[in-house]
N, C-alpha and C. Protein backbone atom coordinates (compact mmCIF):
# COMPACT_ATOMS: atom_id res chain seq x y z
N MET A 1 0.85 -1.20 0.00
CA MET A 1 0.00 0.00 0.00
C MET A 1 0.88 1.25 0.00
N LYS A 2 0.54 2.21 -0.81
CA LYS A 2 1.31 3.45 -0.85
C LYS A 2 1.20 4.19 0.47
N SER A 3 2.28 4.92 0.81
CA SER A 3 2.24 5.74 2.00
C SER A 3 1.32 6.93 1.77
N VAL A 4 0.72 7.41 2.84
CA VAL A 4 -0.23 8.52 2.76
C VAL A 4 0.34 9.69 3.54
N ALA A 5 0.36 10.85 2.92
CA ALA A 5 0.94 12.04 3.54
C ALA A 5 0.14 12.43 4.78
N THR A 6 0.82 13.14 5.68
CA THR A 6 0.19 13.59 6.91
C THR A 6 -1.02 14.47 6.62
N ASN A 7 -0.91 15.34 5.61
CA ASN A 7 -2.02 16.21 5.22
C ASN A 7 -2.47 15.77 3.84
N SER A 8 -3.53 14.98 3.79
CA SER A 8 -3.93 14.36 2.52
C SER A 8 -5.44 14.24 2.42
N VAL A 9 -5.91 14.12 1.21
CA VAL A 9 -7.34 13.91 0.96
C VAL A 9 -7.50 12.73 0.01
N ALA A 10 -8.40 11.83 0.36
CA ALA A 10 -8.71 10.67 -0.47
C ALA A 10 -10.01 10.94 -1.24
N VAL A 11 -9.95 10.87 -2.57
CA VAL A 11 -11.15 10.91 -3.41
C VAL A 11 -11.53 9.46 -3.66
N VAL A 12 -12.71 9.06 -3.19
CA VAL A 12 -13.09 7.65 -3.16
C VAL A 12 -13.51 7.18 -4.55
N ASP A 13 -12.80 6.19 -5.06
CA ASP A 13 -13.08 5.61 -6.38
C ASP A 13 -13.74 4.25 -6.18
N TYR A 14 -15.08 4.24 -6.22
CA TYR A 14 -15.82 2.98 -6.08
C TYR A 14 -16.51 2.60 -7.40
N GLY A 15 -16.04 3.21 -8.50
CA GLY A 15 -16.54 2.84 -9.82
C GLY A 15 -17.69 3.70 -10.31
N MET A 16 -18.09 4.70 -9.52
CA MET A 16 -19.19 5.59 -9.91
C MET A 16 -18.77 7.03 -9.64
N GLY A 17 -19.41 7.95 -10.32
CA GLY A 17 -19.15 9.36 -10.01
C GLY A 17 -18.32 10.03 -11.09
N ASN A 18 -18.37 11.33 -11.06
CA ASN A 18 -17.65 12.16 -12.02
C ASN A 18 -16.21 12.30 -11.52
N LEU A 19 -15.51 11.16 -11.49
CA LEU A 19 -14.26 11.06 -10.75
C LEU A 19 -13.17 11.96 -11.31
N HIS A 20 -13.02 12.00 -12.62
CA HIS A 20 -11.94 12.77 -13.22
C HIS A 20 -12.11 14.27 -12.91
N SER A 21 -13.30 14.80 -13.14
CA SER A 21 -13.53 16.23 -12.90
C SER A 21 -13.38 16.59 -11.43
N VAL A 22 -13.92 15.73 -10.55
CA VAL A 22 -13.82 16.00 -9.11
C VAL A 22 -12.36 15.98 -8.68
N SER A 23 -11.63 14.94 -9.08
CA SER A 23 -10.24 14.83 -8.63
C SER A 23 -9.38 15.96 -9.18
N GLN A 24 -9.62 16.39 -10.42
CA GLN A 24 -8.85 17.49 -10.98
C GLN A 24 -9.11 18.79 -10.23
N ALA A 25 -10.38 19.03 -9.88
CA ALA A 25 -10.71 20.25 -9.14
C ALA A 25 -10.11 20.21 -7.73
N VAL A 26 -10.18 19.07 -7.07
CA VAL A 26 -9.61 18.95 -5.73
C VAL A 26 -8.10 19.12 -5.79
N ARG A 27 -7.46 18.54 -6.80
CA ARG A 27 -6.01 18.69 -6.95
C ARG A 27 -5.64 20.16 -7.19
N HIS A 28 -6.44 20.85 -7.99
CA HIS A 28 -6.18 22.26 -8.26
C HIS A 28 -6.25 23.06 -6.97
N ALA A 29 -7.26 22.79 -6.16
CA ALA A 29 -7.40 23.47 -4.88
C ALA A 29 -6.27 23.08 -3.92
N ALA A 30 -5.89 21.80 -3.94
CA ALA A 30 -4.90 21.29 -2.99
C ALA A 30 -3.50 21.80 -3.30
N ASP A 31 -3.21 22.05 -4.58
CA ASP A 31 -1.88 22.53 -4.96
C ASP A 31 -1.54 23.85 -4.26
N GLN A 32 -2.57 24.62 -3.97
CA GLN A 32 -2.35 25.94 -3.38
C GLN A 32 -2.24 25.91 -1.86
N VAL A 33 -2.54 24.76 -1.26
CA VAL A 33 -2.51 24.68 0.21
C VAL A 33 -1.63 23.54 0.70
N GLY A 34 -0.91 22.87 -0.20
CA GLY A 34 0.03 21.85 0.21
C GLY A 34 -0.58 20.56 0.71
N VAL A 35 -1.73 20.18 0.15
CA VAL A 35 -2.39 18.94 0.52
C VAL A 35 -2.21 17.92 -0.61
N GLU A 36 -1.85 16.70 -0.26
CA GLU A 36 -1.67 15.65 -1.26
C GLU A 36 -3.01 14.95 -1.53
N VAL A 37 -3.30 14.68 -2.80
CA VAL A 37 -4.58 14.09 -3.19
C VAL A 37 -4.35 12.67 -3.71
N PHE A 38 -5.13 11.72 -3.19
CA PHE A 38 -5.11 10.34 -3.66
C PHE A 38 -6.48 9.99 -4.22
N VAL A 39 -6.53 9.57 -5.48
CA VAL A 39 -7.75 8.96 -6.02
C VAL A 39 -7.60 7.47 -5.77
N THR A 40 -8.46 6.89 -4.97
CA THR A 40 -8.17 5.55 -4.47
C THR A 40 -9.39 4.64 -4.38
N SER A 41 -9.14 3.37 -4.64
CA SER A 41 -10.13 2.32 -4.39
C SER A 41 -9.66 1.42 -3.25
N ASP A 42 -8.65 1.88 -2.50
CA ASP A 42 -8.06 1.12 -1.40
C ASP A 42 -8.64 1.61 -0.08
N PRO A 43 -9.38 0.77 0.64
CA PRO A 43 -9.96 1.20 1.91
C PRO A 43 -8.93 1.70 2.91
N ASP A 44 -7.71 1.13 2.89
CA ASP A 44 -6.69 1.56 3.84
C ASP A 44 -6.22 2.99 3.56
N VAL A 45 -6.17 3.38 2.28
CA VAL A 45 -5.80 4.76 1.95
C VAL A 45 -6.88 5.72 2.45
N VAL A 46 -8.15 5.33 2.31
CA VAL A 46 -9.25 6.15 2.83
C VAL A 46 -9.11 6.30 4.34
N ARG A 47 -8.75 5.20 5.01
CA ARG A 47 -8.62 5.24 6.47
C ARG A 47 -7.46 6.14 6.91
N LYS A 48 -6.38 6.15 6.15
CA LYS A 48 -5.19 6.91 6.55
C LYS A 48 -5.24 8.38 6.14
N ALA A 49 -6.06 8.71 5.14
CA ALA A 49 -6.16 10.11 4.70
C ALA A 49 -6.74 10.98 5.80
N THR A 50 -6.38 12.25 5.80
CA THR A 50 -6.90 13.17 6.82
C THR A 50 -8.25 13.75 6.44
N ARG A 51 -8.60 13.69 5.13
CA ARG A 51 -9.89 14.16 4.64
C ARG A 51 -10.36 13.23 3.53
N VAL A 52 -11.68 13.21 3.29
CA VAL A 52 -12.25 12.30 2.30
C VAL A 52 -13.28 13.05 1.46
N VAL A 53 -13.25 12.82 0.14
CA VAL A 53 -14.27 13.32 -0.77
C VAL A 53 -15.00 12.12 -1.36
N LEU A 54 -16.32 12.13 -1.25
CA LEU A 54 -17.16 11.05 -1.77
C LEU A 54 -17.97 11.58 -2.96
N PRO A 55 -17.52 11.32 -4.20
CA PRO A 55 -18.29 11.75 -5.36
C PRO A 55 -19.41 10.75 -5.66
N GLY A 56 -20.31 11.14 -6.55
CA GLY A 56 -21.37 10.23 -6.95
C GLY A 56 -22.10 10.77 -8.16
N GLN A 57 -22.42 9.88 -9.07
CA GLN A 57 -23.14 10.28 -10.28
C GLN A 57 -23.87 9.07 -10.81
N GLY A 58 -25.09 9.27 -11.31
CA GLY A 58 -25.87 8.15 -11.82
C GLY A 58 -27.00 7.83 -10.88
N ALA A 59 -27.40 6.56 -10.85
CA ALA A 59 -28.54 6.12 -10.04
C ALA A 59 -28.10 5.74 -8.63
N MET A 60 -28.86 6.17 -7.66
CA MET A 60 -28.54 5.88 -6.26
C MET A 60 -28.39 4.38 -5.99
N PRO A 61 -29.29 3.50 -6.49
CA PRO A 61 -29.10 2.08 -6.21
C PRO A 61 -27.76 1.56 -6.72
N ASP A 62 -27.34 2.02 -7.90
CA ASP A 62 -26.05 1.58 -8.45
C ASP A 62 -24.90 2.08 -7.59
N CYS A 63 -24.96 3.34 -7.16
CA CYS A 63 -23.89 3.90 -6.35
C CYS A 63 -23.76 3.16 -5.02
N MET A 64 -24.87 2.90 -4.35
CA MET A 64 -24.82 2.20 -3.07
C MET A 64 -24.31 0.78 -3.25
N ARG A 65 -24.74 0.11 -4.31
CA ARG A 65 -24.27 -1.26 -4.55
C ARG A 65 -22.76 -1.29 -4.80
N GLU A 66 -22.28 -0.36 -5.63
CA GLU A 66 -20.86 -0.36 -5.97
C GLU A 66 -20.01 0.03 -4.76
N LEU A 67 -20.49 0.95 -3.94
CA LEU A 67 -19.75 1.32 -2.74
C LEU A 67 -19.62 0.11 -1.82
N ARG A 68 -20.70 -0.62 -1.66
CA ARG A 68 -20.69 -1.80 -0.79
C ARG A 68 -19.81 -2.91 -1.38
N ASP A 69 -20.01 -3.21 -2.68
CA ASP A 69 -19.29 -4.33 -3.30
C ASP A 69 -17.81 -4.05 -3.46
N SER A 70 -17.44 -2.77 -3.53
CA SER A 70 -16.02 -2.41 -3.67
C SER A 70 -15.23 -2.61 -2.39
N GLY A 71 -15.93 -2.81 -1.28
CA GLY A 71 -15.27 -2.94 0.01
C GLY A 71 -14.92 -1.62 0.66
N LEU A 72 -15.42 -0.51 0.08
CA LEU A 72 -15.08 0.82 0.57
C LEU A 72 -16.09 1.39 1.57
N GLN A 73 -17.25 0.77 1.68
CA GLN A 73 -18.31 1.36 2.50
C GLN A 73 -17.88 1.53 3.96
N GLU A 74 -17.27 0.51 4.53
CA GLU A 74 -16.88 0.60 5.94
C GLU A 74 -15.84 1.69 6.17
N SER A 75 -14.90 1.82 5.24
CA SER A 75 -13.87 2.86 5.42
C SER A 75 -14.48 4.26 5.30
N VAL A 76 -15.49 4.42 4.43
CA VAL A 76 -16.17 5.71 4.32
C VAL A 76 -16.94 6.02 5.61
N LEU A 77 -17.61 5.01 6.16
CA LEU A 77 -18.32 5.21 7.42
C LEU A 77 -17.36 5.56 8.55
N GLU A 78 -16.20 4.92 8.59
CA GLU A 78 -15.20 5.24 9.61
C GLU A 78 -14.71 6.68 9.44
N ALA A 79 -14.47 7.07 8.18
CA ALA A 79 -14.02 8.44 7.92
C ALA A 79 -15.08 9.44 8.36
N ALA A 80 -16.33 9.16 8.07
CA ALA A 80 -17.41 10.08 8.41
C ALA A 80 -17.57 10.26 9.91
N ALA A 81 -17.08 9.31 10.68
CA ALA A 81 -17.18 9.39 12.13
C ALA A 81 -16.08 10.23 12.76
N SER A 82 -15.01 10.52 11.99
CA SER A 82 -13.85 11.10 12.65
C SER A 82 -13.09 12.18 11.89
N LYS A 83 -13.37 12.38 10.59
CA LYS A 83 -12.57 13.33 9.82
C LYS A 83 -13.43 14.09 8.83
N PRO A 84 -12.97 15.23 8.33
CA PRO A 84 -13.77 16.00 7.37
C PRO A 84 -14.10 15.17 6.13
N LEU A 85 -15.38 15.15 5.78
CA LEU A 85 -15.86 14.42 4.60
C LEU A 85 -16.74 15.33 3.76
N PHE A 86 -16.51 15.34 2.45
CA PHE A 86 -17.26 16.17 1.50
C PHE A 86 -17.96 15.24 0.51
N GLY A 87 -19.30 15.27 0.50
CA GLY A 87 -20.08 14.50 -0.46
C GLY A 87 -20.51 15.37 -1.63
N VAL A 88 -20.49 14.81 -2.84
CA VAL A 88 -20.80 15.56 -4.05
C VAL A 88 -21.92 14.86 -4.82
N CYS A 89 -23.00 15.58 -5.11
CA CYS A 89 -24.13 15.11 -5.92
C CYS A 89 -24.74 13.85 -5.31
N VAL A 90 -24.70 12.70 -6.01
CA VAL A 90 -25.25 11.49 -5.41
C VAL A 90 -24.44 11.11 -4.17
N GLY A 91 -23.18 11.52 -4.13
CA GLY A 91 -22.39 11.33 -2.92
C GLY A 91 -22.98 12.04 -1.72
N MET A 92 -23.71 13.12 -1.93
CA MET A 92 -24.47 13.77 -0.87
C MET A 92 -25.72 12.95 -0.54
N GLN A 93 -26.45 12.53 -1.55
CA GLN A 93 -27.68 11.78 -1.31
C GLN A 93 -27.42 10.49 -0.54
N MET A 94 -26.28 9.86 -0.79
CA MET A 94 -25.93 8.61 -0.14
C MET A 94 -25.76 8.77 1.37
N LEU A 95 -25.54 9.98 1.84
CA LEU A 95 -25.32 10.22 3.27
C LEU A 95 -26.61 10.13 4.07
N LEU A 96 -27.75 10.26 3.40
CA LEU A 96 -29.03 10.27 4.10
C LEU A 96 -29.54 8.85 4.38
N SER A 97 -30.71 8.77 5.01
CA SER A 97 -31.23 7.48 5.45
C SER A 97 -31.70 6.60 4.31
N ARG A 98 -32.44 7.22 3.37
CA ARG A 98 -32.99 6.42 2.28
C ARG A 98 -33.32 7.32 1.09
N SER A 99 -33.49 6.68 -0.06
CA SER A 99 -33.89 7.40 -1.27
C SER A 99 -35.09 6.71 -1.89
N ASP A 100 -35.98 7.52 -2.47
CA ASP A 100 -37.11 6.97 -3.22
C ASP A 100 -36.64 6.32 -4.52
N GLU A 101 -35.40 6.62 -4.94
CA GLU A 101 -34.88 6.03 -6.17
C GLU A 101 -34.51 4.58 -5.87
N GLY A 102 -35.26 3.68 -6.34
CA GLY A 102 -35.06 2.25 -6.08
C GLY A 102 -36.30 1.58 -5.52
N PRO A 103 -36.72 1.85 -4.26
CA PRO A 103 -36.07 2.69 -3.25
C PRO A 103 -34.78 2.03 -2.73
N THR A 104 -33.94 2.85 -2.10
CA THR A 104 -32.62 2.41 -1.68
C THR A 104 -32.28 2.98 -0.32
N ASP A 105 -31.72 2.16 0.56
CA ASP A 105 -31.20 2.66 1.82
C ASP A 105 -29.88 3.38 1.59
N GLY A 106 -29.69 4.51 2.29
CA GLY A 106 -28.42 5.22 2.24
C GLY A 106 -27.54 4.83 3.40
N LEU A 107 -26.52 5.64 3.66
CA LEU A 107 -25.56 5.34 4.72
C LEU A 107 -26.08 5.73 6.10
N GLY A 108 -27.13 6.54 6.15
CA GLY A 108 -27.75 6.88 7.42
C GLY A 108 -26.93 7.81 8.30
N LEU A 109 -26.05 8.59 7.70
CA LEU A 109 -25.21 9.50 8.47
C LEU A 109 -25.93 10.79 8.83
N ILE A 110 -26.88 11.18 8.00
CA ILE A 110 -27.72 12.35 8.27
C ILE A 110 -29.17 11.92 8.09
N PRO A 111 -29.99 11.98 9.14
CA PRO A 111 -31.37 11.53 9.02
C PRO A 111 -32.13 12.32 7.95
N GLY A 112 -32.89 11.60 7.13
CA GLY A 112 -33.67 12.24 6.10
C GLY A 112 -33.83 11.34 4.89
N GLU A 113 -34.50 11.87 3.88
CA GLU A 113 -34.80 11.07 2.69
C GLU A 113 -34.46 11.86 1.43
N VAL A 114 -34.38 11.13 0.34
CA VAL A 114 -34.11 11.71 -0.98
C VAL A 114 -35.34 11.46 -1.83
N ILE A 115 -35.92 12.53 -2.39
CA ILE A 115 -37.16 12.40 -3.14
C ILE A 115 -37.01 13.02 -4.52
N LYS A 116 -37.92 12.65 -5.42
CA LYS A 116 -37.83 13.09 -6.81
C LYS A 116 -38.61 14.39 -7.01
N PHE A 117 -38.09 15.25 -7.88
CA PHE A 117 -38.86 16.41 -8.30
C PHE A 117 -40.16 15.94 -8.95
N GLU A 118 -41.27 16.51 -8.53
CA GLU A 118 -42.58 16.22 -9.15
C GLU A 118 -43.09 17.53 -9.75
N LEU A 119 -42.72 17.79 -11.00
CA LEU A 119 -42.98 19.10 -11.60
C LEU A 119 -43.74 19.00 -12.91
N ALA A 120 -44.36 17.85 -13.17
CA ALA A 120 -45.09 17.67 -14.42
C ALA A 120 -46.18 18.73 -14.57
N GLY A 121 -46.18 19.41 -15.71
CA GLY A 121 -47.19 20.40 -16.00
C GLY A 121 -46.94 21.76 -15.37
N ARG A 122 -45.92 21.87 -14.54
CA ARG A 122 -45.61 23.14 -13.89
C ARG A 122 -44.85 24.05 -14.84
N LEU A 123 -45.11 25.35 -14.76
CA LEU A 123 -44.46 26.32 -15.63
C LEU A 123 -43.54 27.23 -14.82
N GLN A 124 -42.41 27.59 -15.41
CA GLN A 124 -41.52 28.55 -14.81
C GLN A 124 -42.02 29.97 -15.07
N ALA A 125 -41.37 30.93 -14.47
CA ALA A 125 -41.81 32.33 -14.58
C ALA A 125 -41.82 32.81 -16.02
N ASP A 126 -40.95 32.26 -16.87
CA ASP A 126 -40.91 32.69 -18.27
C ASP A 126 -41.87 31.92 -19.17
N GLY A 127 -42.70 31.06 -18.56
CA GLY A 127 -43.69 30.31 -19.30
C GLY A 127 -43.23 28.95 -19.79
N SER A 128 -41.95 28.64 -19.65
CA SER A 128 -41.44 27.33 -20.07
C SER A 128 -41.72 26.29 -19.00
N ARG A 129 -41.74 25.04 -19.41
CA ARG A 129 -42.00 23.96 -18.46
C ARG A 129 -40.74 23.65 -17.66
N PHE A 130 -40.95 23.28 -16.40
CA PHE A 130 -39.85 22.75 -15.62
C PHE A 130 -39.43 21.41 -16.22
N LYS A 131 -38.15 21.21 -16.36
CA LYS A 131 -37.62 19.95 -16.87
C LYS A 131 -36.94 19.19 -15.75
N VAL A 132 -37.12 17.88 -15.78
CA VAL A 132 -36.44 17.00 -14.84
C VAL A 132 -35.62 16.00 -15.64
N PRO A 133 -34.30 15.94 -15.45
CA PRO A 133 -33.56 16.57 -14.35
C PRO A 133 -33.40 18.08 -14.50
N GLN A 134 -33.22 18.74 -13.34
CA GLN A 134 -32.73 20.12 -13.38
C GLN A 134 -31.29 20.06 -13.88
N MET A 135 -30.99 20.82 -14.89
CA MET A 135 -29.65 20.79 -15.47
C MET A 135 -29.22 22.21 -15.80
N GLY A 136 -28.24 22.72 -15.07
CA GLY A 136 -27.74 24.06 -15.32
C GLY A 136 -27.44 24.80 -14.03
N TRP A 137 -27.27 26.11 -14.17
CA TRP A 137 -26.87 26.96 -13.05
C TRP A 137 -28.08 27.40 -12.24
N ASN A 138 -27.89 27.45 -10.93
CA ASN A 138 -28.95 27.90 -10.04
C ASN A 138 -28.31 28.59 -8.84
N GLN A 139 -29.02 29.57 -8.30
CA GLN A 139 -28.52 30.29 -7.14
C GLN A 139 -28.72 29.47 -5.87
N VAL A 140 -27.76 29.58 -4.97
CA VAL A 140 -27.82 28.87 -3.69
C VAL A 140 -27.80 29.88 -2.55
N ARG A 141 -28.82 29.79 -1.70
CA ARG A 141 -28.89 30.60 -0.48
C ARG A 141 -28.14 29.88 0.64
N GLN A 142 -27.34 30.59 1.35
CA GLN A 142 -26.62 30.00 2.48
C GLN A 142 -27.55 30.02 3.68
N ALA A 143 -28.29 28.92 3.84
CA ALA A 143 -29.35 28.87 4.85
C ALA A 143 -28.81 28.84 6.27
N GLN A 144 -27.58 28.36 6.45
CA GLN A 144 -26.93 28.34 7.75
C GLN A 144 -25.48 28.79 7.55
N PRO A 145 -24.91 29.53 8.49
CA PRO A 145 -23.50 29.87 8.38
C PRO A 145 -22.64 28.61 8.49
N HIS A 146 -21.55 28.57 7.74
CA HIS A 146 -20.66 27.40 7.80
C HIS A 146 -19.28 27.82 7.30
N ALA A 147 -18.25 27.23 7.87
CA ALA A 147 -16.88 27.57 7.48
C ALA A 147 -16.61 27.29 6.01
N VAL A 148 -17.27 26.30 5.42
CA VAL A 148 -17.01 25.95 4.02
C VAL A 148 -17.62 26.98 3.06
N TRP A 149 -18.49 27.85 3.57
CA TRP A 149 -19.01 28.95 2.74
C TRP A 149 -18.07 30.16 2.73
N ALA A 150 -17.00 30.14 3.47
CA ALA A 150 -16.15 31.32 3.64
C ALA A 150 -15.71 31.91 2.30
N GLY A 151 -15.88 33.22 2.15
CA GLY A 151 -15.44 33.92 0.95
C GLY A 151 -16.35 33.75 -0.25
N ILE A 152 -17.47 33.05 -0.09
CA ILE A 152 -18.40 32.82 -1.20
C ILE A 152 -19.66 33.65 -0.94
N PRO A 153 -20.00 34.59 -1.81
CA PRO A 153 -21.17 35.43 -1.58
C PRO A 153 -22.46 34.61 -1.53
N ASP A 154 -23.36 35.02 -0.64
CA ASP A 154 -24.69 34.41 -0.62
C ASP A 154 -25.35 34.60 -1.99
N GLN A 155 -26.18 33.63 -2.37
CA GLN A 155 -26.89 33.65 -3.66
C GLN A 155 -25.95 33.47 -4.85
N SER A 156 -24.79 32.89 -4.62
CA SER A 156 -23.90 32.57 -5.74
C SER A 156 -24.49 31.44 -6.58
N TYR A 157 -24.08 31.38 -7.84
CA TYR A 157 -24.57 30.36 -8.75
C TYR A 157 -23.65 29.13 -8.73
N PHE A 158 -24.28 27.95 -8.75
CA PHE A 158 -23.57 26.68 -8.85
C PHE A 158 -24.27 25.79 -9.88
N TYR A 159 -23.55 24.78 -10.36
CA TYR A 159 -24.06 23.95 -11.46
C TYR A 159 -24.68 22.66 -10.93
N PHE A 160 -25.93 22.40 -11.36
CA PHE A 160 -26.70 21.24 -10.92
C PHE A 160 -27.01 20.31 -12.08
N VAL A 161 -27.04 19.00 -11.80
CA VAL A 161 -27.62 18.00 -12.70
C VAL A 161 -28.25 16.95 -11.80
N HIS A 162 -29.58 16.98 -11.62
CA HIS A 162 -30.20 16.00 -10.72
C HIS A 162 -31.71 15.95 -10.92
N SER A 163 -32.26 14.76 -10.66
CA SER A 163 -33.70 14.54 -10.66
C SER A 163 -34.24 14.35 -9.26
N PHE A 164 -33.38 14.02 -8.31
CA PHE A 164 -33.75 13.78 -6.91
C PHE A 164 -33.03 14.80 -6.03
N TYR A 165 -33.62 15.07 -4.87
CA TYR A 165 -33.00 16.02 -3.95
C TYR A 165 -33.20 15.56 -2.51
N ALA A 166 -32.34 16.03 -1.64
CA ALA A 166 -32.35 15.62 -0.24
C ALA A 166 -33.37 16.43 0.56
N ARG A 167 -34.01 15.73 1.51
CA ARG A 167 -34.89 16.40 2.47
C ARG A 167 -34.48 15.94 3.88
N PRO A 168 -33.56 16.66 4.51
CA PRO A 168 -33.11 16.26 5.85
C PRO A 168 -34.25 16.30 6.86
N ALA A 169 -34.22 15.40 7.82
CA ALA A 169 -35.25 15.37 8.86
C ALA A 169 -35.13 16.57 9.78
N ASP A 170 -33.91 17.07 9.97
CA ASP A 170 -33.65 18.22 10.84
C ASP A 170 -33.25 19.40 9.95
N ALA A 171 -34.04 20.46 9.97
CA ALA A 171 -33.78 21.62 9.10
C ALA A 171 -32.42 22.25 9.38
N ARG A 172 -31.86 22.03 10.56
CA ARG A 172 -30.55 22.59 10.88
C ARG A 172 -29.44 21.97 10.04
N HIS A 173 -29.70 20.80 9.48
CA HIS A 173 -28.70 20.15 8.62
C HIS A 173 -28.73 20.67 7.19
N SER A 174 -29.72 21.48 6.86
CA SER A 174 -29.81 22.09 5.53
C SER A 174 -29.10 23.44 5.58
N VAL A 175 -27.88 23.50 4.99
CA VAL A 175 -27.08 24.72 5.09
C VAL A 175 -27.07 25.52 3.78
N GLY A 176 -27.66 24.95 2.73
CA GLY A 176 -27.80 25.65 1.46
C GLY A 176 -29.11 25.26 0.80
N GLU A 177 -29.78 26.25 0.22
CA GLU A 177 -31.07 25.99 -0.42
C GLU A 177 -31.12 26.67 -1.78
N ALA A 178 -31.88 26.07 -2.69
CA ALA A 178 -32.10 26.64 -4.02
C ALA A 178 -33.57 26.46 -4.36
N ASP A 179 -34.00 27.11 -5.42
CA ASP A 179 -35.40 27.01 -5.86
C ASP A 179 -35.47 26.35 -7.23
N TYR A 180 -36.32 25.34 -7.31
CA TYR A 180 -36.67 24.75 -8.61
C TYR A 180 -38.07 24.18 -8.46
N GLY A 181 -39.06 25.00 -8.77
CA GLY A 181 -40.45 24.65 -8.50
C GLY A 181 -40.84 24.98 -7.08
N ALA A 182 -39.94 24.74 -6.16
CA ALA A 182 -40.08 25.10 -4.75
C ALA A 182 -38.68 25.08 -4.15
N SER A 183 -38.57 25.52 -2.93
CA SER A 183 -37.26 25.50 -2.27
C SER A 183 -36.84 24.07 -1.98
N PHE A 184 -35.57 23.75 -2.20
CA PHE A 184 -35.06 22.42 -1.87
C PHE A 184 -33.66 22.56 -1.28
N THR A 185 -33.22 21.53 -0.59
CA THR A 185 -31.90 21.53 0.04
C THR A 185 -30.82 21.29 -1.01
N ALA A 186 -29.87 22.22 -1.07
CA ALA A 186 -28.78 22.12 -2.03
C ALA A 186 -27.44 21.79 -1.37
N ALA A 187 -27.37 21.93 -0.03
CA ALA A 187 -26.16 21.58 0.71
C ALA A 187 -26.56 21.16 2.11
N ILE A 188 -25.88 20.15 2.63
CA ILE A 188 -26.16 19.66 3.97
C ILE A 188 -24.86 19.63 4.78
N ALA A 189 -25.00 19.71 6.09
CA ALA A 189 -23.82 19.63 6.95
C ALA A 189 -24.23 19.15 8.33
N ARG A 190 -23.33 18.39 8.93
CA ARG A 190 -23.47 17.98 10.33
C ARG A 190 -22.09 17.65 10.85
N ASP A 191 -21.70 18.28 11.93
CA ASP A 191 -20.40 17.99 12.56
C ASP A 191 -19.27 18.10 11.54
N ASN A 192 -18.62 16.98 11.20
CA ASN A 192 -17.48 16.99 10.30
C ASN A 192 -17.86 16.66 8.85
N ILE A 193 -19.14 16.68 8.53
CA ILE A 193 -19.62 16.34 7.19
C ILE A 193 -20.17 17.59 6.51
N PHE A 194 -19.80 17.80 5.26
CA PHE A 194 -20.37 18.84 4.41
C PHE A 194 -20.60 18.21 3.04
N ALA A 195 -21.73 18.52 2.41
CA ALA A 195 -22.04 17.90 1.12
C ALA A 195 -22.93 18.80 0.29
N THR A 196 -22.79 18.69 -1.02
CA THR A 196 -23.57 19.54 -1.93
C THR A 196 -24.27 18.70 -2.99
N GLN A 197 -25.51 19.11 -3.31
CA GLN A 197 -26.20 18.50 -4.44
C GLN A 197 -25.60 18.97 -5.76
N PHE A 198 -25.14 20.19 -5.81
CA PHE A 198 -24.52 20.73 -7.02
C PHE A 198 -23.09 20.20 -7.16
N HIS A 199 -22.50 20.48 -8.31
CA HIS A 199 -21.15 20.02 -8.62
C HIS A 199 -20.16 21.18 -8.45
N PRO A 200 -19.40 21.25 -7.36
CA PRO A 200 -18.40 22.31 -7.24
C PRO A 200 -17.38 22.28 -8.38
N GLU A 201 -17.04 21.08 -8.84
CA GLU A 201 -16.02 20.95 -9.89
C GLU A 201 -16.47 21.51 -11.23
N LYS A 202 -17.78 21.77 -11.38
CA LYS A 202 -18.32 22.36 -12.60
C LYS A 202 -18.80 23.78 -12.37
N SER A 203 -18.46 24.34 -11.21
CA SER A 203 -19.04 25.63 -10.78
C SER A 203 -18.02 26.76 -10.73
N ALA A 204 -16.99 26.67 -11.55
CA ALA A 204 -16.02 27.76 -11.73
C ALA A 204 -15.38 28.15 -10.39
N ASP A 205 -15.10 29.45 -10.21
CA ASP A 205 -14.30 29.89 -9.07
C ASP A 205 -14.96 29.61 -7.72
N HIS A 206 -16.27 29.76 -7.64
CA HIS A 206 -16.93 29.51 -6.36
C HIS A 206 -16.84 28.03 -5.97
N GLY A 207 -16.90 27.15 -6.95
CA GLY A 207 -16.75 25.73 -6.66
C GLY A 207 -15.36 25.40 -6.16
N LEU A 208 -14.35 25.97 -6.80
CA LEU A 208 -12.98 25.75 -6.33
C LEU A 208 -12.77 26.32 -4.93
N GLN A 209 -13.40 27.45 -4.65
CA GLN A 209 -13.29 28.03 -3.32
C GLN A 209 -13.89 27.10 -2.26
N LEU A 210 -15.00 26.43 -2.60
CA LEU A 210 -15.57 25.45 -1.66
C LEU A 210 -14.56 24.37 -1.33
N TYR A 211 -13.90 23.83 -2.36
CA TYR A 211 -12.91 22.78 -2.11
C TYR A 211 -11.73 23.33 -1.30
N ARG A 212 -11.27 24.53 -1.59
CA ARG A 212 -10.19 25.13 -0.80
C ARG A 212 -10.62 25.26 0.67
N ASN A 213 -11.84 25.73 0.88
CA ASN A 213 -12.33 25.88 2.25
C ASN A 213 -12.39 24.53 2.95
N PHE A 214 -12.82 23.51 2.23
CA PHE A 214 -12.88 22.17 2.82
C PHE A 214 -11.49 21.69 3.23
N LEU A 215 -10.49 21.98 2.41
CA LEU A 215 -9.14 21.53 2.72
C LEU A 215 -8.54 22.27 3.92
N HIS A 216 -9.09 23.44 4.24
CA HIS A 216 -8.65 24.20 5.42
C HIS A 216 -9.51 23.90 6.66
N TRP A 217 -10.65 23.29 6.46
CA TRP A 217 -11.67 23.15 7.51
C TRP A 217 -11.23 22.20 8.60
N ASN A 218 -11.32 22.64 9.83
CA ASN A 218 -11.02 21.80 10.99
C ASN A 218 -12.22 21.80 11.94
N PRO A 219 -13.19 20.94 11.65
CA PRO A 219 -14.43 20.93 12.48
C PRO A 219 -14.15 20.46 13.91
C-alpha cells in the first residue's frame, strides 16, 4: 500500500461518479494549500487520509451497490465518524437514510430522505415547463453559516444536474437551499460532514473556493 501524507485527501473511487472532474478540481485546490490528493479504491488509503471526498453520479441504487461491493463502505463510514468528509451530488444523497430512487437505503449518516422532483405540467416564470432533471446553473442561499461557505457570496450560482433532492429530517442540517419549483436543500452539513447537491467541480471559481475551504476546515 502506498504511504499517505500527513495532510492528505482521499477521493473515493468505487466505480461511480464524475471522478476525473472531481479529482482534478480537488487537486487544483490542494496545490495551493500543500495537501496531497489520492484517487483511491483502497480502503486503507481512505482510512489513513486526513480528509475524504465522496463523489457520486448516476442512479442511487447503483452507487450504493458499488460502494458496498467495492469494500469501501466501511472505510467511508469510519471516515465520516472522525474526519472531514465532503459528499458531491449522489455522494451527498448517499449520506441520508434512504432514497425513493429504487427505493434504496443510504448510509444513514444524516437523518432524512431523498425524493424526486414532481414538476409535471408546472411552468416557470418565463412560461417554459420545468424539466427533470434540473440541469444548469442555479442560485444557492446560504441557509446556515458554515466555514465551508467562507469567501463565497450568498446567492452565488452553482451547477446542478439531478432529478432527486435531499430532504433532511432536521432543518438545521440544511445549510444551502435553491429554488426549482419550490425551495429544496442544495447543501447539507453535520459535525465533520459537508455535502452539496450541485457540482463544485463544474461551478467555476466559487466551486474551487468550496474545495479550498474544505481543505482548510477543521471541524
